[in-house]
């Protein structure tokens, strides 16, 4: 248990750069250095995380803890990877709450936000190249993007997209003609009508916990897809956050090590102080522990199933459609003048052309924002 705790506490404190970087660091530690598992086993675990909802790098930590230390290792591995990031984000949320209106803090976030948009665009591009595997998946992703703007519920879009691709691919594989269209699948399920947004509700810790529990239980894809769910629930449905607060939360999550999902910790603190931060964190990560515990023994069968693979293809492209839609909305809040547009464009060039680590770009955006205050 101490070996597992020490490794994942270290990774939780030093794993900057997003899920892909986290997973690369885990492989170096558990395959190359410690030889706890071999490459094939590591790849099997990674494939399994793509078939269940939740943050991939956190679920890899939980899987590895389970393989190394059984049920206790499952809890220790995941908790120790999450805890450092949670504490760092809580500290930053306290500072944001205390000093968020101070001009220097405002200018810092002013410079970070355009960089975050560029990072999300890069993630969209990279994930899209893997997720869009032909005309079918491309159309499903585009339909999800369009229907999101009409008000269709994001969970309904994920469900419909995954079912449609699973049925269409397997009908085609068995030699039958597909008789469905993406919109044709949505309509019978009653998902083509815009969702009616209820009036804003007063803040409640139980609702906060249950909302994050729901998000953690259904969210597939990159951690950046989290944006779509957070905006739909906390900005549109509940009315507890503004778009500016949401992108501030994402910016804070980006500059800290560990899981991107600790954005939930920040939102929980802003809304409900320490109890809110703790409940939000538990809510969004708890489903991952449950899903890993259930799926780990089934990995050999899951990885060879054409139905499970097709279901995942549908979930992935629908997730990307949601992610693209929210990026367009948040871009309007981040790219507000020539300087922020130049920052976003520069960050995009450095990411795409020179593969600069996103952490350095976020720090550079923060520094630019602070320096800009001297010129105003």
Protein backbone atom coordinates (compact mmCIF):
# COMPACT_ATOMS: atom_id res chain seq x y z
CA UNK A 1 0.00 0.00 0.00
CA UNK A 2 2.85 2.39 0.78
CA UNK A 3 4.43 1.75 -2.63
CA UNK A 4 1.14 2.55 -4.35
CA UNK A 5 0.50 5.62 -2.18
CA UNK A 6 4.00 7.01 -2.65
CA UNK A 7 3.91 6.61 -6.44
CA UNK A 8 0.51 8.20 -7.00
CA UNK A 9 1.06 11.01 -4.49
CA UNK A 10 4.19 11.88 -6.48
CA UNK A 11 2.32 11.74 -9.77
CA UNK A 12 -0.54 13.78 -8.31
CA UNK A 13 1.96 16.52 -7.46
CA UNK A 14 4.00 16.47 -10.67
CA UNK A 15 1.75 15.22 -13.51
CA UNK A 16 1.16 18.38 -15.51
CA UNK A 17 0.07 18.48 -19.14
CA UNK A 18 -3.26 16.65 -19.31
CA UNK A 19 -4.37 13.00 -19.51
CA UNK A 20 -2.00 11.97 -22.33
CA UNK A 21 1.00 13.23 -20.34
CA UNK A 22 -0.29 11.60 -17.15
CA UNK A 23 -0.61 8.22 -18.87
CA UNK A 24 2.88 8.50 -20.38
CA UNK A 25 4.32 9.21 -16.92
CA UNK A 26 2.42 6.24 -15.44
CA UNK A 27 3.79 3.92 -18.10
CA UNK A 28 7.32 5.07 -17.37
CA UNK A 29 6.84 4.44 -13.66
CA UNK A 30 4.95 1.12 -13.62
CA UNK A 31 6.20 -0.58 -16.79
CA UNK A 32 9.75 0.70 -17.32
CA UNK A 33 10.97 1.56 -13.82
CA UNK A 34 9.04 -0.64 -11.38
CA UNK A 35 7.99 -3.45 -13.79
CA UNK A 36 4.70 -3.98 -11.97
CA UNK A 37 3.03 -4.88 -15.31
CA UNK A 38 4.16 -5.30 -18.93
CA UNK A 39 3.27 -3.15 -21.93
CA UNK A 40 0.48 -5.43 -23.13
CA UNK A 41 -1.25 -5.37 -19.76
CA UNK A 42 -0.83 -1.59 -19.62
CA UNK A 43 -2.45 -1.25 -23.06
CA UNK A 44 -5.32 -3.52 -22.02
CA UNK A 45 -5.99 -1.31 -19.00
CA UNK A 46 -5.84 1.82 -21.14
CA UNK A 47 -8.30 0.34 -23.62
CA UNK A 48 -10.70 -0.50 -20.80
CA UNK A 49 -10.70 3.11 -19.55
CA UNK A 50 -11.97 4.20 -22.96
CA UNK A 51 -15.01 1.94 -22.61
CA UNK A 52 -16.25 3.40 -19.33
CA UNK A 53 -17.21 6.97 -18.35
CA UNK A 54 -14.83 9.15 -16.37
CA UNK A 55 -11.31 10.63 -16.54
CA UNK A 56 -8.90 8.24 -18.27
CA UNK A 57 -5.73 9.04 -16.33
CA UNK A 58 -7.49 8.80 -12.95
CA UNK A 59 -9.02 5.48 -13.96
CA UNK A 60 -5.58 4.25 -15.00
CA UNK A 61 -4.33 5.09 -11.49
CA UNK A 62 -7.28 3.15 -10.03
CA UNK A 63 -6.68 0.17 -12.36
CA UNK A 64 -2.97 0.01 -11.56
CA UNK A 65 -3.68 0.26 -7.83
CA UNK A 66 -6.15 -2.61 -8.15
CA UNK A 67 -3.70 -4.79 -10.11
CA UNK A 68 -0.91 -4.11 -7.62
CA UNK A 69 -2.82 -4.13 -4.33
CA UNK A 70 -6.33 -5.52 -4.81
CA UNK A 71 -9.34 -3.67 -3.44
CA UNK A 72 -7.31 -1.60 -0.99
CA UNK A 73 -4.90 -0.70 -3.76
CA UNK A 74 -7.82 0.43 -5.94
CA UNK A 75 -8.85 3.00 -3.31
CA UNK A 76 -5.31 4.06 -2.40
CA UNK A 77 -4.12 4.49 -6.00
CA UNK A 78 -7.05 6.62 -7.09
CA UNK A 79 -7.30 8.67 -3.89
CA UNK A 80 -3.58 9.48 -3.80
CA UNK A 81 -3.62 10.63 -7.44
CA UNK A 82 -6.63 12.90 -6.81
CA UNK A 83 -5.79 14.29 -3.35
CA UNK A 84 -2.80 16.56 -4.17
CA UNK A 85 -4.64 18.21 -7.07
CA UNK A 86 -7.76 18.62 -4.95
CA UNK A 87 -5.83 20.41 -2.17
CA UNK A 88 -3.96 22.66 -4.62
CA UNK A 89 -7.19 23.61 -6.42
CA UNK A 90 -8.92 24.32 -3.10
CA UNK A 91 -6.10 26.69 -2.16
CA UNK A 92 -6.36 28.45 -5.51
CA UNK A 93 -10.15 28.61 -5.20
CA UNK A 94 -9.74 30.29 -1.80
CA UNK A 95 -7.37 32.83 -3.37
CA UNK A 96 -9.78 33.36 -6.26
CA UNK A 97 -12.65 33.90 -3.83
CA UNK A 98 -10.60 36.36 -1.78
CA UNK A 99 -8.77 38.21 -4.53
CA UNK A 100 -10.67 37.43 -7.74
CA UNK A 101 -11.79 41.05 -8.07
CA UNK A 102 -8.24 42.41 -7.64
CA UNK A 103 -7.10 43.84 -11.01
CA UNK A 104 -3.87 41.78 -11.04
CA UNK A 105 -5.76 38.50 -10.62
CA UNK A 106 -8.29 39.54 -13.22
CA UNK A 107 -5.50 40.34 -15.71
CA UNK A 108 -3.80 37.01 -14.98
CA UNK A 109 -6.96 35.11 -15.90
CA UNK A 110 -7.48 37.48 -18.85
CA UNK A 111 -4.25 36.12 -20.34
CA UNK A 112 -4.88 32.48 -19.44
CA UNK A 113 -8.36 32.13 -20.96
CA UNK A 114 -7.34 32.48 -24.65
CA UNK A 115 -4.62 29.87 -24.11
CA UNK A 116 -7.19 27.48 -22.64
CA UNK A 117 -9.32 27.88 -25.77
CA UNK A 118 -6.28 27.03 -27.94
CA UNK A 119 -5.53 23.96 -25.78
CA UNK A 120 -9.10 22.73 -26.11
CA UNK A 121 -8.99 23.26 -29.90
CA UNK A 122 -5.78 21.21 -30.08
CA UNK A 123 -7.41 18.46 -28.03
CA UNK A 124 -10.42 18.54 -30.36
CA UNK A 125 -8.19 18.19 -33.41
CA UNK A 126 -6.12 15.35 -31.96
CA UNK A 127 -9.10 13.42 -30.63
CA UNK A 128 -11.10 14.03 -33.78
CA UNK A 129 -8.46 12.43 -35.98
CA UNK A 130 -8.83 9.23 -33.96
CA UNK A 131 -12.57 9.37 -33.30
CA UNK A 132 -13.85 10.22 -36.79
CA UNK A 133 -13.42 6.92 -38.61
CA UNK A 134 -15.57 7.60 -41.65
CA UNK A 135 -18.67 9.37 -42.91
CA UNK A 136 -20.94 7.74 -40.30
CA UNK A 137 -19.05 8.97 -37.25
CA UNK A 138 -18.40 12.38 -38.86
CA UNK A 139 -22.14 12.91 -39.40
CA UNK A 140 -22.99 11.82 -35.84
CA UNK A 141 -20.48 14.28 -34.40
CA UNK A 142 -21.80 17.11 -36.57
CA UNK A 143 -25.42 16.33 -35.67
CA UNK A 144 -24.52 16.34 -31.95
CA UNK A 145 -22.90 19.76 -32.35
CA UNK A 146 -25.92 21.23 -34.16
CA UNK A 147 -28.54 19.71 -31.83
CA UNK A 148 -26.65 20.97 -28.76
CA UNK A 149 -27.34 24.53 -29.96
CA UNK A 150 -31.05 23.71 -30.29
CA UNK A 151 -31.22 22.79 -26.61
CA UNK A 152 -31.16 18.98 -26.76
CA UNK A 153 -29.93 17.45 -23.50
CA UNK A 154 -26.23 16.50 -23.63
CA UNK A 155 -26.74 13.07 -22.03
CA UNK A 156 -29.44 12.30 -24.57
CA UNK A 157 -27.05 13.22 -27.37
CA UNK A 158 -24.36 10.90 -26.02
CA UNK A 159 -26.86 8.05 -25.65
CA UNK A 160 -28.38 8.52 -29.10
CA UNK A 161 -24.99 8.90 -30.82
CA UNK A 162 -23.55 5.79 -29.21
CA UNK A 163 -26.61 3.64 -29.96
CA UNK A 164 -26.83 4.82 -33.55
CA UNK A 165 -23.18 4.09 -34.37
CA UNK A 166 -23.32 0.72 -32.59
CA UNK A 167 -26.41 -0.37 -34.54
CA UNK A 168 -25.29 1.06 -37.89
CA UNK A 169 -21.78 -0.42 -37.75
CA UNK A 170 -22.98 -3.86 -36.74
CA UNK A 171 -25.85 -3.90 -39.24
CA UNK A 172 -23.33 -3.02 -41.94
CA UNK A 173 -20.87 -5.60 -40.61
CA UNK A 174 -23.53 -8.30 -40.88
CA UNK A 175 -24.30 -7.36 -44.47
CA UNK A 176 -27.61 -5.55 -43.93
CA UNK A 177 -28.45 -2.08 -45.15
CA UNK A 178 -28.67 0.63 -42.49
CA UNK A 179 -32.08 2.24 -42.61
CA UNK A 180 -31.43 4.92 -40.04
CA UNK A 181 -30.18 8.47 -40.13
CA UNK A 182 -28.73 10.26 -37.10
CA UNK A 183 -31.82 12.45 -36.85
CA UNK A 184 -34.08 9.46 -37.45
CA UNK A 185 -32.63 7.76 -34.39
CA UNK A 186 -33.04 10.84 -32.23
CA UNK A 187 -36.69 11.38 -33.12
CA UNK A 188 -38.07 7.98 -31.99
CA UNK A 189 -36.23 8.38 -28.71
CA UNK A 190 -38.00 11.70 -28.16
CA UNK A 191 -34.71 13.59 -28.23
CA UNK A 192 -35.24 15.89 -31.20
CA UNK A 193 -37.14 18.51 -29.24
CA UNK A 194 -35.20 21.17 -27.34
CA UNK A 195 -34.97 20.54 -23.61
CA UNK A 196 -36.99 22.99 -21.54
CA UNK A 197 -34.69 24.77 -19.12
CA UNK A 198 -36.19 25.08 -15.62
CA UNK A 199 -35.93 28.25 -13.59
CA UNK A 200 -32.69 28.76 -11.67
CA UNK A 201 -32.66 26.89 -8.35
CA UNK A 202 -31.24 28.12 -5.03
CA UNK A 203 -27.85 26.63 -4.17
CA UNK A 204 -27.97 23.29 -2.34
CA UNK A 205 -25.13 20.95 -1.30
CA UNK A 206 -27.15 17.78 -2.06
CA UNK A 207 -27.98 19.06 -5.57
CA UNK A 208 -24.32 19.99 -6.06
CA UNK A 209 -23.21 16.47 -5.10
CA UNK A 210 -25.85 14.72 -7.20
CA UNK A 211 -25.11 16.88 -10.24
CA UNK A 212 -21.41 16.02 -10.13
CA UNK A 213 -22.24 12.37 -9.43
CA UNK A 214 -24.38 12.34 -12.59
CA UNK A 215 -21.62 13.98 -14.64
CA UNK A 216 -19.02 11.51 -13.39
CA UNK A 217 -21.31 8.60 -14.22
CA UNK A 218 -22.04 9.54 -17.85
CA UNK A 219 -19.12 11.59 -19.17
CA UNK A 220 -17.08 9.91 -21.89
CA UNK A 221 -14.11 11.28 -23.78
CA UNK A 222 -11.48 13.83 -22.91
CA UNK A 223 -11.59 15.80 -19.70
CA UNK A 224 -12.32 18.83 -21.87
CA UNK A 225 -15.73 17.35 -22.73
CA UNK A 226 -16.48 18.18 -19.09
CA UNK A 227 -17.02 21.77 -20.29
CA UNK A 228 -20.22 20.82 -22.07
CA UNK A 229 -21.70 19.19 -18.98
CA UNK A 230 -20.61 21.93 -16.59
CA UNK A 231 -22.06 24.66 -18.76
CA UNK A 232 -25.33 22.83 -19.37
CA UNK A 233 -25.86 22.14 -15.66
CA UNK A 234 -24.28 25.02 -13.73
CA UNK A 235 -24.68 27.91 -16.17
CA UNK A 236 -27.87 27.07 -18.09
CA UNK A 237 -29.96 24.72 -15.93
CA UNK A 238 -29.13 25.75 -12.36
CA UNK A 239 -27.93 29.31 -13.00
CA UNK A 240 -25.25 29.05 -10.29
CA UNK A 241 -22.28 30.10 -12.46
CA UNK A 242 -21.57 32.59 -15.22
CA UNK A 243 -19.62 31.75 -18.39
CA UNK A 244 -16.75 33.82 -17.01
CA UNK A 245 -16.65 31.83 -13.76
CA UNK A 246 -16.77 28.57 -15.73
CA UNK A 247 -13.78 29.42 -17.90
CA UNK A 248 -11.93 30.69 -14.80
CA UNK A 249 -12.54 27.27 -13.23
CA UNK A 250 -11.17 25.52 -16.32
CA UNK A 251 -8.12 27.81 -16.32
CA UNK A 252 -7.39 26.97 -12.67
CA UNK A 253 -7.77 23.27 -13.41
CA UNK A 254 -5.34 23.59 -16.32
CA UNK A 255 -2.49 25.19 -14.34
CA UNK A 256 -2.55 22.52 -11.61
CA UNK A 257 -1.15 18.98 -11.77
CA UNK A 258 -3.33 15.89 -11.66
CA UNK A 259 -6.81 15.28 -13.11
CA UNK A 260 -8.54 18.00 -15.14
CA UNK A 261 -11.73 16.91 -13.33
CA UNK A 262 -10.57 18.78 -10.23
CA UNK A 263 -12.27 21.71 -11.95
CA UNK A 264 -15.18 20.31 -9.94
CA UNK A 265 -13.27 21.05 -6.73
CA UNK A 266 -12.91 24.68 -7.76
CA UNK A 267 -16.59 25.05 -8.64
CA UNK A 268 -17.61 23.32 -5.41
CA UNK A 269 -15.50 25.71 -3.34
CA UNK A 270 -16.75 28.83 -5.15
CA UNK A 271 -20.35 27.74 -4.56
CA UNK A 272 -20.16 26.03 -1.16
CA UNK A 273 -16.70 26.61 0.36
CA UNK A 274 -14.89 23.54 1.80
CA UNK A 275 -17.97 21.29 2.13
CA UNK A 276 -18.91 22.11 -1.45
CA UNK A 277 -15.38 21.39 -2.70
CA UNK A 278 -15.24 18.01 -0.92
CA UNK A 279 -18.71 16.91 -2.06
CA UNK A 280 -18.10 18.01 -5.66
CA UNK A 281 -14.80 16.11 -5.78
CA UNK A 282 -16.27 12.94 -4.28
CA UNK A 283 -19.30 13.16 -6.57
CA UNK A 284 -17.42 13.44 -9.84
CA UNK A 285 -14.75 10.81 -9.05
CA UNK A 286 -16.82 8.20 -7.17
CA UNK A 287 -18.30 6.59 -10.33
CA UNK A 288 -14.78 5.96 -11.69
CA UNK A 289 -13.92 3.77 -8.70
CA UNK A 290 -17.14 1.79 -9.18
CA UNK A 291 -16.69 1.38 -12.96
CA UNK A 292 -13.07 0.25 -12.62
CA UNK A 293 -13.99 -2.30 -9.94
CA UNK A 294 -16.70 -3.73 -12.21
CA UNK A 295 -14.80 -3.61 -15.51
CA UNK A 296 -11.32 -4.77 -14.49
CA UNK A 297 -12.19 -8.50 -14.43
CA UNK A 298 -14.02 -8.15 -17.77
CA UNK A 299 -11.18 -6.50 -19.72
CA UNK A 300 -10.22 -9.56 -21.83
CA UNK A 301 -13.80 -9.94 -23.09
CA UNK A 302 -14.48 -6.21 -23.58
CA UNK A 303 -11.47 -5.56 -25.78
CA UNK A 304 -12.58 -8.15 -28.37
CA UNK A 305 -16.25 -7.13 -28.58
CA UNK A 306 -17.29 -5.41 -31.86
CA UNK A 307 -20.47 -4.15 -30.17
CA UNK A 308 -18.59 -2.49 -27.30
CA UNK A 309 -16.10 -0.98 -29.74
CA UNK A 310 -18.85 0.47 -31.95
CA UNK A 311 -20.65 1.86 -28.88
CA UNK A 312 -17.44 3.60 -27.87
CA UNK A 313 -17.01 5.05 -31.38
CA UNK A 314 -20.45 6.66 -31.12
CA UNK A 315 -19.85 8.03 -27.64
CA UNK A 316 -16.52 9.50 -28.69
CA UNK A 317 -17.78 11.43 -31.71
CA UNK A 318 -20.88 12.69 -29.87
CA UNK A 319 -18.59 13.86 -27.06
CA UNK A 320 -16.44 15.72 -29.57
CA UNK A 321 -19.52 17.41 -31.03
CA UNK A 322 -20.49 18.67 -27.56
CA UNK A 323 -16.93 19.74 -26.89
CA UNK A 324 -16.79 21.74 -30.14
CA UNK A 325 -20.09 23.47 -29.39
CA UNK A 326 -19.03 24.60 -25.93
CA UNK A 327 -15.63 25.72 -27.21
CA UNK A 328 -17.41 28.08 -29.61
CA UNK A 329 -19.48 29.49 -26.75
CA UNK A 330 -16.60 29.92 -24.32
CA UNK A 331 -14.41 31.39 -27.04
CA UNK A 332 -16.77 34.37 -27.14
CA UNK A 333 -16.07 34.97 -23.43
CA UNK A 334 -12.28 34.56 -23.78
CA UNK A 335 -11.41 36.23 -27.10
CA UNK A 336 -12.63 39.74 -26.37
CA UNK A 337 -10.06 42.06 -27.98
CA UNK A 338 -7.00 42.03 -30.31
CA UNK A 339 -4.59 41.00 -27.55
CA UNK A 340 -6.58 37.96 -26.44
CA UNK A 341 -7.08 36.96 -30.09
CA UNK A 342 -3.32 37.25 -30.66
CA UNK A 343 -2.66 35.20 -27.52
CA UNK A 344 -5.04 32.47 -28.64
CA UNK A 345 -3.53 32.36 -32.14
CA UNK A 346 0.05 32.30 -30.82
CA UNK A 347 -0.78 29.51 -28.36
CA UNK A 348 -2.41 27.51 -31.17
CA UNK A 349 0.67 27.86 -33.40
CA UNK A 350 3.00 26.82 -30.57
CA UNK A 351 0.80 23.84 -29.76
CA UNK A 352 0.24 22.59 -33.30
CA UNK A 353 3.55 23.45 -34.92
CA UNK A 354 6.09 23.20 -32.12
CA UNK A 355 4.34 20.88 -29.63
CA UNK A 356 5.09 23.19 -26.70
CA UNK A 357 3.91 21.82 -23.34
CA UNK A 358 0.53 23.34 -22.46
CA UNK A 359 1.67 24.14 -18.91
CA UNK A 360 4.29 26.57 -20.21
CA UNK A 361 1.74 28.20 -22.49
CA UNK A 362 -0.68 28.71 -19.60
CA UNK A 363 2.09 30.28 -17.53
CA UNK A 364 3.06 32.45 -20.51
CA UNK A 365 -0.55 33.56 -20.92
CA UNK A 366 -0.74 34.46 -17.23
CA UNK A 367 2.48 36.48 -17.45
CA UNK A 368 1.25 38.28 -20.59
CA UNK A 369 -2.00 39.14 -18.84
CA UNK A 370 -0.12 40.61 -15.85
CA UNK A 371 2.24 42.59 -18.06
CA UNK A 372 -0.66 43.93 -20.07
CA UNK A 373 -1.99 45.61 -16.93
CA UNK A 374 1.12 47.82 -16.89
CA UNK A 375 0.24 49.15 -20.35
CA UNK A 376 -3.35 50.02 -19.51
